[in-house]
C-alpha atoms as a PDB file:
ATOM      1  CA  MET A   1      98.846  76.998  96.190  1.00  0.00           C
ATOM      2  CA  THR A   2      95.083  76.535  96.533  1.00  0.00           C
ATOM      3  CA  PRO A   3      93.051  79.750  96.677  1.00  0.00           C
ATOM      4  CA  VAL A   4      91.042  80.237  99.785  1.00  0.00           C
ATOM      5  CA  GLY A   5      87.682  80.218  98.198  1.00  0.00           C
ATOM      6  CA  ASP A   6      88.170  77.057  96.189  1.00  0.00           C
ATOM      7  CA  PRO A   7      86.035  73.955  96.937  1.00  0.00           C
ATOM      8  CA  PRO A   8      87.662  70.847  98.292  1.00  0.00           C
ATOM      9  CA  HIS A   9      89.345  68.667  95.717  1.00  0.00           C
ATOM     10  CA  GLY A  10      86.899  66.571  93.746  1.00  0.00           C
ATOM     11  CA  THR A  11      83.932  68.702  94.611  1.00  0.00           C
ATOM     12  CA  ALA A  12      81.786  70.236  91.834  1.00  0.00           C
ATOM     13  CA  THR A  13      81.780  74.023  91.837  1.00  0.00           C
ATOM     14  CA  ASP A  14      78.484  75.764  91.854  1.00  0.00           C
ATOM     15  CA  PRO A  15      78.341  78.137  88.805  1.00  0.00           C
ATOM     16  CA  ARG A  16      77.199  80.920  91.094  1.00  0.00           C
ATOM     17  CA  ILE A  17      80.288  80.560  93.179  1.00  0.00           C
ATOM     18  CA  THR A  18      82.409  80.543  90.101  1.00  0.00           C
ATOM     19  CA  ARG A  19      80.747  83.805  88.931  1.00  0.00           C
ATOM     20  CA  THR A  20      81.091  85.422  92.425  1.00  0.00           C
ATOM     21  CA  ARG A  21      84.825  84.560  92.442  1.00  0.00           C
ATOM     22  CA  LYS A  22      85.332  85.865  89.022  1.00  0.00           C
ATOM     23  CA  ASP A  23      83.506  89.059  89.652  1.00  0.00           C
ATOM     24  CA  VAL A  24      85.122  89.754  93.036  1.00  0.00           C
ATOM     25  CA  LEU A  25      88.632  88.814  92.107  1.00  0.00           C
ATOM     26  CA  GLY A  26      88.501  90.812  88.866  1.00  0.00           C
ATOM     27  CA  ALA A  27      87.218  93.800  90.816  1.00  0.00           C
ATOM     28  CA  ALA A  28      90.017  93.351  93.352  1.00  0.00           C
ATOM     29  CA  LEU A  29      92.690  93.238  90.723  1.00  0.00           C
ATOM     30  CA  GLY A  30      91.108  96.268  88.996  1.00  0.00           C
ATOM     31  CA  LEU A  31      91.136  98.277  92.234  1.00  0.00           C
ATOM     32  CA  LEU A  32      94.719  97.241  92.947  1.00  0.00           C
ATOM     33  CA  THR A  33      96.038  98.262  89.599  1.00  0.00           C
ATOM     34  CA  SER A  34      94.003 101.477  89.323  1.00  0.00           C
ATOM     35  CA  GLN A  35      93.865 102.807  92.960  1.00  0.00           C
ATOM     36  CA  GLY A  36      96.476 100.848  94.847  1.00  0.00           C
ATOM     37  CA  TRP A  37      96.767  98.371  97.778  1.00  0.00           C
ATOM     38  CA  ASP A  38      94.618 100.435 100.296  1.00  0.00           C
ATOM     39  CA  ALA A  39      91.627 100.501  97.956  1.00  0.00           C
ATOM     40  CA  VAL A  40      91.196  96.726  98.061  1.00  0.00           C
ATOM     41  CA  THR A  41      88.818  96.285 101.011  1.00  0.00           C
ATOM     42  CA  HIS A  42      85.746  94.220 101.562  1.00  0.00           C
ATOM     43  CA  ALA A  43      83.573  97.314 101.626  1.00  0.00           C
ATOM     44  CA  ASN A  44      84.957  98.566  98.287  1.00  0.00           C
ATOM     45  CA  LEU A  45      84.486  95.150  96.679  1.00  0.00           C
ATOM     46  CA  ALA A  46      80.982  94.896  97.954  1.00  0.00           C
ATOM     47  CA  SER A  47      80.125  98.270  96.605  1.00  0.00           C
ATOM     48  CA  GLY A  48      81.761  97.714  93.258  1.00  0.00           C
ATOM     49  CA  THR A  49      80.425  94.210  92.579  1.00  0.00           C
ATOM     50  CA  GLY A  50      77.050  94.322  94.136  1.00  0.00           C
ATOM     51  CA  TYR A  51      77.731  91.337  96.352  1.00  0.00           C
ATOM     52  CA  SER A  52      77.277  91.757 100.144  1.00  0.00           C
ATOM     53  CA  LYS A  53      80.325  92.133 102.409  1.00  0.00           C
ATOM     54  CA  ALA A  54      79.133  88.919 104.147  1.00  0.00           C
ATOM     55  CA  THR A  55      79.372  86.984 100.877  1.00  0.00           C
ATOM     56  CA  ILE A  56      82.857  88.408 100.278  1.00  0.00           C
ATOM     57  CA  TYR A  57      83.947  87.631 103.843  1.00  0.00           C
ATOM     58  CA  LYS A  58      82.589  84.083 103.509  1.00  0.00           C
ATOM     59  CA  HIS A  59      84.855  83.422 100.585  1.00  0.00           C
ATOM     60  CA  TRP A  60      87.796  85.591 101.724  1.00  0.00           C
ATOM     61  CA  PRO A  61      87.866  86.073 105.456  1.00  0.00           C
ATOM     62  CA  THR A  62      90.790  88.469 105.327  1.00  0.00           C
ATOM     63  CA  ARG A  63      91.925  91.206 102.951  1.00  0.00           C
ATOM     64  CA  THR A  64      95.163  89.331 102.420  1.00  0.00           C
ATOM     65  CA  ALA A  65      93.214  86.308 101.181  1.00  0.00           C
ATOM     66  CA  VAL A  66      91.312  88.232  98.540  1.00  0.00           C
ATOM     67  CA  LEU A  67      94.497  89.997  97.442  1.00  0.00           C
ATOM     68  CA  ARG A  68      96.379  86.788  97.248  1.00  0.00           C
ATOM     69  CA  ASP A  69      93.648  85.084  95.154  1.00  0.00           C
ATOM     70  CA  ALA A  70      93.253  88.161  92.929  1.00  0.00           C
ATOM     71  CA  LEU A  71      96.999  88.240  92.266  1.00  0.00           C
ATOM     72  CA  LEU A  72      97.245  84.544  91.576  1.00  0.00           C
ATOM     73  CA  GLN A  73      94.786  85.214  88.637  1.00  0.00           C
ATOM     74  CA  LEU A  74      97.813  86.762  86.897  1.00  0.00           C
ATOM     75  CA  ASP A  75      99.331  83.330  86.680  1.00  0.00           C
ATOM     76  CA  ASP A  76      96.680  82.525  83.972  1.00  0.00           C
ATOM     77  CA  ILE A  77      97.853  85.328  81.540  1.00  0.00           C
ATOM     78  CA  PRO A  78      98.544  83.569  78.180  1.00  0.00           C
ATOM     79  CA  HIS A  79     102.069  82.833  77.093  1.00  0.00           C
ATOM     80  CA  HIS A  80     103.566  82.503  73.560  1.00  0.00           C
ATOM     81  CA  ARG A  81     103.563  78.927  72.332  1.00  0.00           C
ATOM     82  CA  PRO A  82     107.189  78.118  71.241  1.00  0.00           C
ATOM     83  CA  THR A  83     107.810  77.197  67.569  1.00  0.00           C
ATOM     84  CA  GLY A  84     111.505  76.145  67.730  1.00  0.00           C
ATOM     85  CA  ASP A  85     112.868  79.533  66.358  1.00  0.00           C
ATOM     86  CA  LEU A  86     114.549  80.945  69.376  1.00  0.00           C
ATOM     87  CA  ARG A  87     114.499  84.649  68.271  1.00  0.00           C
ATOM     88  CA  ALA A  88     110.845  84.545  67.166  1.00  0.00           C
ATOM     89  CA  ASP A  89     109.858  82.650  70.298  1.00  0.00           C
ATOM     90  CA  LEU A  90     111.616  85.110  72.626  1.00  0.00           C
ATOM     91  CA  ILE A  91     109.979  88.093  70.814  1.00  0.00           C
ATOM     92  CA  GLY A  92     106.622  86.271  70.892  1.00  0.00           C
ATOM     93  CA  GLU A  93     106.909  85.665  74.679  1.00  0.00           C
ATOM     94  CA  MET A  94     107.992  89.234  75.442  1.00  0.00           C
ATOM     95  CA  THR A  95     105.040  90.431  73.241  1.00  0.00           C
ATOM     96  CA  ALA A  96     102.670  88.224  75.193  1.00  0.00           C
ATOM     97  CA  PHE A  97     104.228  89.680  78.446  1.00  0.00           C
ATOM     98  CA  ARG A  98     103.590  93.173  77.105  1.00  0.00           C
ATOM     99  CA  ALA A  99      99.967  92.239  76.365  1.00  0.00           C
ATOM    100  CA  GLY A 100      99.706  91.113  80.050  1.00  0.00           C
ATOM    101  CA  MET A 101     100.771  94.601  81.129  1.00  0.00           C
ATOM    102  CA  ARG A 102      98.491  96.294  78.800  1.00  0.00           C
ATOM    103  CA  ASP A 103      95.387  94.113  79.257  1.00  0.00           C
ATOM    104  CA  TYR A 104      95.733  93.009  82.941  1.00  0.00           C
ATOM    105  CA  GLY A 105      97.838  95.750  84.558  1.00  0.00           C
ATOM    106  CA  LEU A 106     100.498  93.156  85.289  1.00  0.00           C
ATOM    107  CA  ASP A 107     103.283  95.793  85.717  1.00  0.00           C
ATOM    108  CA  ARG A 108     101.280  97.740  88.314  1.00  0.00           C
ATOM    109  CA  ALA A 109     100.015  94.671  90.151  1.00  0.00           C
ATOM    110  CA  MET A 110     103.550  93.247  90.343  1.00  0.00           C
ATOM    111  CA  ALA A 111     104.952  96.578  91.506  1.00  0.00           C
ATOM    112  CA  VAL A 112     102.413  96.675  94.368  1.00  0.00           C
ATOM    113  CA  LEU A 113     103.044  93.010  95.093  1.00  0.00           C
ATOM    114  CA  ALA A 114     106.900  93.612  95.269  1.00  0.00           C
ATOM    115  CA  GLU A 115     106.375  96.388  97.776  1.00  0.00           C
ATOM    116  CA  GLN A 116     103.886  94.492  99.950  1.00  0.00           C
ATOM    117  CA  ALA A 117     105.731  91.169  99.787  1.00  0.00           C
ATOM    118  CA  ARG A 118     108.594  92.775 101.756  1.00  0.00           C
ATOM    119  CA  SER A 119     106.485  92.613 104.935  1.00  0.00           C
ATOM    120  CA  TRP A 120     103.950  89.842 104.255  1.00  0.00           C
ATOM    121  CA  ASP A 121     105.294  86.241 103.972  1.00  0.00           C
ATOM    122  CA  GLU A 122     102.175  84.882 102.350  1.00  0.00           C
ATOM    123  CA  LEU A 123     102.392  87.616  99.604  1.00  0.00           C
ATOM    124  CA  ALA A 124     106.140  86.858  99.209  1.00  0.00           C
ATOM    125  CA  GLU A 125     105.109  83.346  98.304  1.00  0.00           C
ATOM    126  CA  VAL A 126     102.547  84.651  95.737  1.00  0.00           C
ATOM    127  CA  ARG A 127     105.267  86.899  94.247  1.00  0.00           C
ATOM    128  CA  ASP A 128     107.669  83.950  93.937  1.00  0.00           C
ATOM    129  CA  GLU A 129     104.998  81.817  92.352  1.00  0.00           C
ATOM    130  CA  LEU A 130     104.013  84.560  89.809  1.00  0.00           C
ATOM    131  CA  VAL A 131     107.655  85.304  88.901  1.00  0.00           C
ATOM    132  CA  SER A 132     108.446  81.633  88.499  1.00  0.00           C
ATOM    133  CA  GLY A 133     105.399  81.025  86.379  1.00  0.00           C
ATOM    134  CA  GLY A 134     105.735  84.301  84.427  1.00  0.00           C
ATOM    135  CA  ASP A 135     109.398  83.650  83.567  1.00  0.00           C
ATOM    136  CA  ARG A 136     108.961  79.908  82.827  1.00  0.00           C
ATOM    137  CA  VAL A 137     108.712  80.134  79.006  1.00  0.00           C
ATOM    138  CA  VAL A 138     111.670  82.518  78.700  1.00  0.00           C
ATOM    139  CA  ARG A 139     113.737  80.373  80.990  1.00  0.00           C
ATOM    140  CA  GLU A 140     113.018  77.170  79.020  1.00  0.00           C
ATOM    141  CA  LEU A 141     113.858  79.051  75.702  1.00  0.00           C
ATOM    142  CA  LEU A 142     117.183  80.427  76.979  1.00  0.00           C
ATOM    143  CA  ALA A 143     118.041  77.122  78.810  1.00  0.00           C
ATOM    144  CA  THR A 144     118.914  75.838  75.345  1.00  0.00           C
ATOM    145  CA  ARG A 145     121.833  78.235  75.218  1.00  0.00           C
ATOM    146  CA  LEU A 146     122.425  79.421  78.892  1.00  0.00           C
ATOM    147  CA  SER A 147     122.739  77.861  82.330  1.00  0.00           C
ATOM    148  CA  GLY A 148     123.279  78.859  85.865  1.00  0.00           C
ATOM    149  CA  THR A 149     123.819  82.595  86.511  1.00  0.00           C
ATOM    150  CA  GLU A 150     123.804  83.394  82.861  1.00  0.00           C
ATOM    151  CA  LEU A 151     120.381  81.915  82.482  1.00  0.00           C
ATOM    152  CA  SER A 152     119.126  83.869  85.431  1.00  0.00           C
ATOM    153  CA  VAL A 153     120.558  87.179  84.179  1.00  0.00           C
ATOM    154  CA  GLY A 154     119.313  86.599  80.618  1.00  0.00           C
ATOM    155  CA  THR A 155     115.822  85.947  81.826  1.00  0.00           C
ATOM    156  CA  LYS A 156     115.944  89.076  84.062  1.00  0.00           C
ATOM    157  CA  MET A 157     117.293  91.196  81.149  1.00  0.00           C
ATOM    158  CA  LEU A 158     114.237  90.369  79.022  1.00  0.00           C
ATOM    159  CA  SER A 159     111.600  90.856  81.669  1.00  0.00           C
ATOM    160  CA  GLY A 160     113.537  93.744  83.182  1.00  0.00           C
ATOM    161  CA  THR A 161     113.340  95.800  79.965  1.00  0.00           C
ATOM    162  CA  LEU A 162     109.551  95.582  79.866  1.00  0.00           C
ATOM    163  CA  PHE A 163     109.048  96.351  83.548  1.00  0.00           C
ATOM    164  CA  TYR A 164     111.575  99.173  83.636  1.00  0.00           C
ATOM    165  CA  SER A 165     110.038 100.862  80.626  1.00  0.00           C
ATOM    166  CA  ALA A 166     106.451 100.468  82.003  1.00  0.00           C
ATOM    167  CA  LEU A 167     107.257 101.508  85.618  1.00  0.00           C
ATOM    168  CA  MET A 168     109.894 104.159  85.050  1.00  0.00           C
ATOM    169  CA  TYR A 169     108.717 105.682  81.748  1.00  0.00           C
ATOM    170  CA  GLY A 170     104.975 104.890  81.993  1.00  0.00           C
ATOM    171  CA  GLN A 171     104.864 103.070  78.691  1.00  0.00           C
ATOM    172  CA  VAL A 172     105.232  99.537  77.568  1.00  0.00           C
ATOM    173  CA  PRO A 173     107.967  99.013  74.997  1.00  0.00           C
ATOM    174  CA  ASP A 174     106.998  98.861  71.284  1.00  0.00           C
ATOM    175  CA  ASP A 175     107.830  95.981  68.957  1.00  0.00           C
ATOM    176  CA  GLU A 176     111.137  97.508  67.942  1.00  0.00           C
ATOM    177  CA  VAL A 177     112.386  97.661  71.573  1.00  0.00           C
ATOM    178  CA  ILE A 178     111.385  94.203  72.242  1.00  0.00           C
ATOM    179  CA  ALA A 179     113.240  92.867  69.059  1.00  0.00           C
ATOM    180  CA  THR A 180     116.296  94.952  69.801  1.00  0.00           C
ATOM    181  CA  THR A 181     116.420  93.624  73.365  1.00  0.00           C
ATOM    182  CA  VAL A 182     116.207  90.031  72.178  1.00  0.00           C
ATOM    183  CA  ASP A 183     118.763  90.668  69.434  1.00  0.00           C
ATOM    184  CA  ILE A 184     121.285  92.284  71.918  1.00  0.00           C
ATOM    185  CA  LEU A 185     120.887  89.135  74.198  1.00  0.00           C
ATOM    186  CA  LEU A 186     121.254  86.653  71.273  1.00  0.00           C
ATOM    187  CA  ARG A 187     124.362  88.577  70.062  1.00  0.00           C
ATOM    188  CA  ALA A 188     125.885  88.397  73.437  1.00  0.00           C
ATOM    189  CA  ILE A 189     125.113  84.649  73.649  1.00  0.00           C
ATOM    190  CA  ALA A 190     126.691  84.176  70.217  1.00  0.00           C
ATOM    191  CA  ASN A 191     129.748  86.221  70.979  1.00  0.00           C
ATOM    192  CA  ASP A 192     130.300  84.386  74.240  1.00  0.00           C
ATOM    193  CA  GLY A 193     130.167  80.985  72.321  1.00  0.00           C
ATOM    194  CA  ALA A 194     132.661  82.246  69.820  1.00  0.00           C
ATOM    195  CA  ALA A 195     135.261  83.176  72.497  1.00  0.00           C
END
């Protein structure tokens, strides 16, 4: 998915455009995670960044376009680099996921996106892309032991623990909760293999 404000393929990007995009999209994501969906307007972005509304409209002609590009930035959140130790790698990826929640407001942004994607097809595509990219490392790690529905459920169990804790209890899980969640899943996989 190519963001609206990106130059045509093969075209050099002016550093000023790169800076404008970074500033505006960062501000949009900040507004989204701190004040909610309705706060992300061209007027609020102009006020918060110092760029004119005309500049923002030039890059993002619609509110949906700026929200889409802001949310797609979440796809760049760092992942754990697998080492070959399944337990350590799952814990590492869940810890990286937690850092995305703490540092980028990933949980709040995804909660807003999930709600809005119910009525906006373009945002449903963004949600699907972010979920697929966000779950990629966990899916690849678990695919060494699971497949089909079990792979899907195992992936959702791990990410679900983090999201549920953040959204329902207002706090991201600590290291012990992450390790315990991974251990419970790995025990279930081992027990299923022994049956």
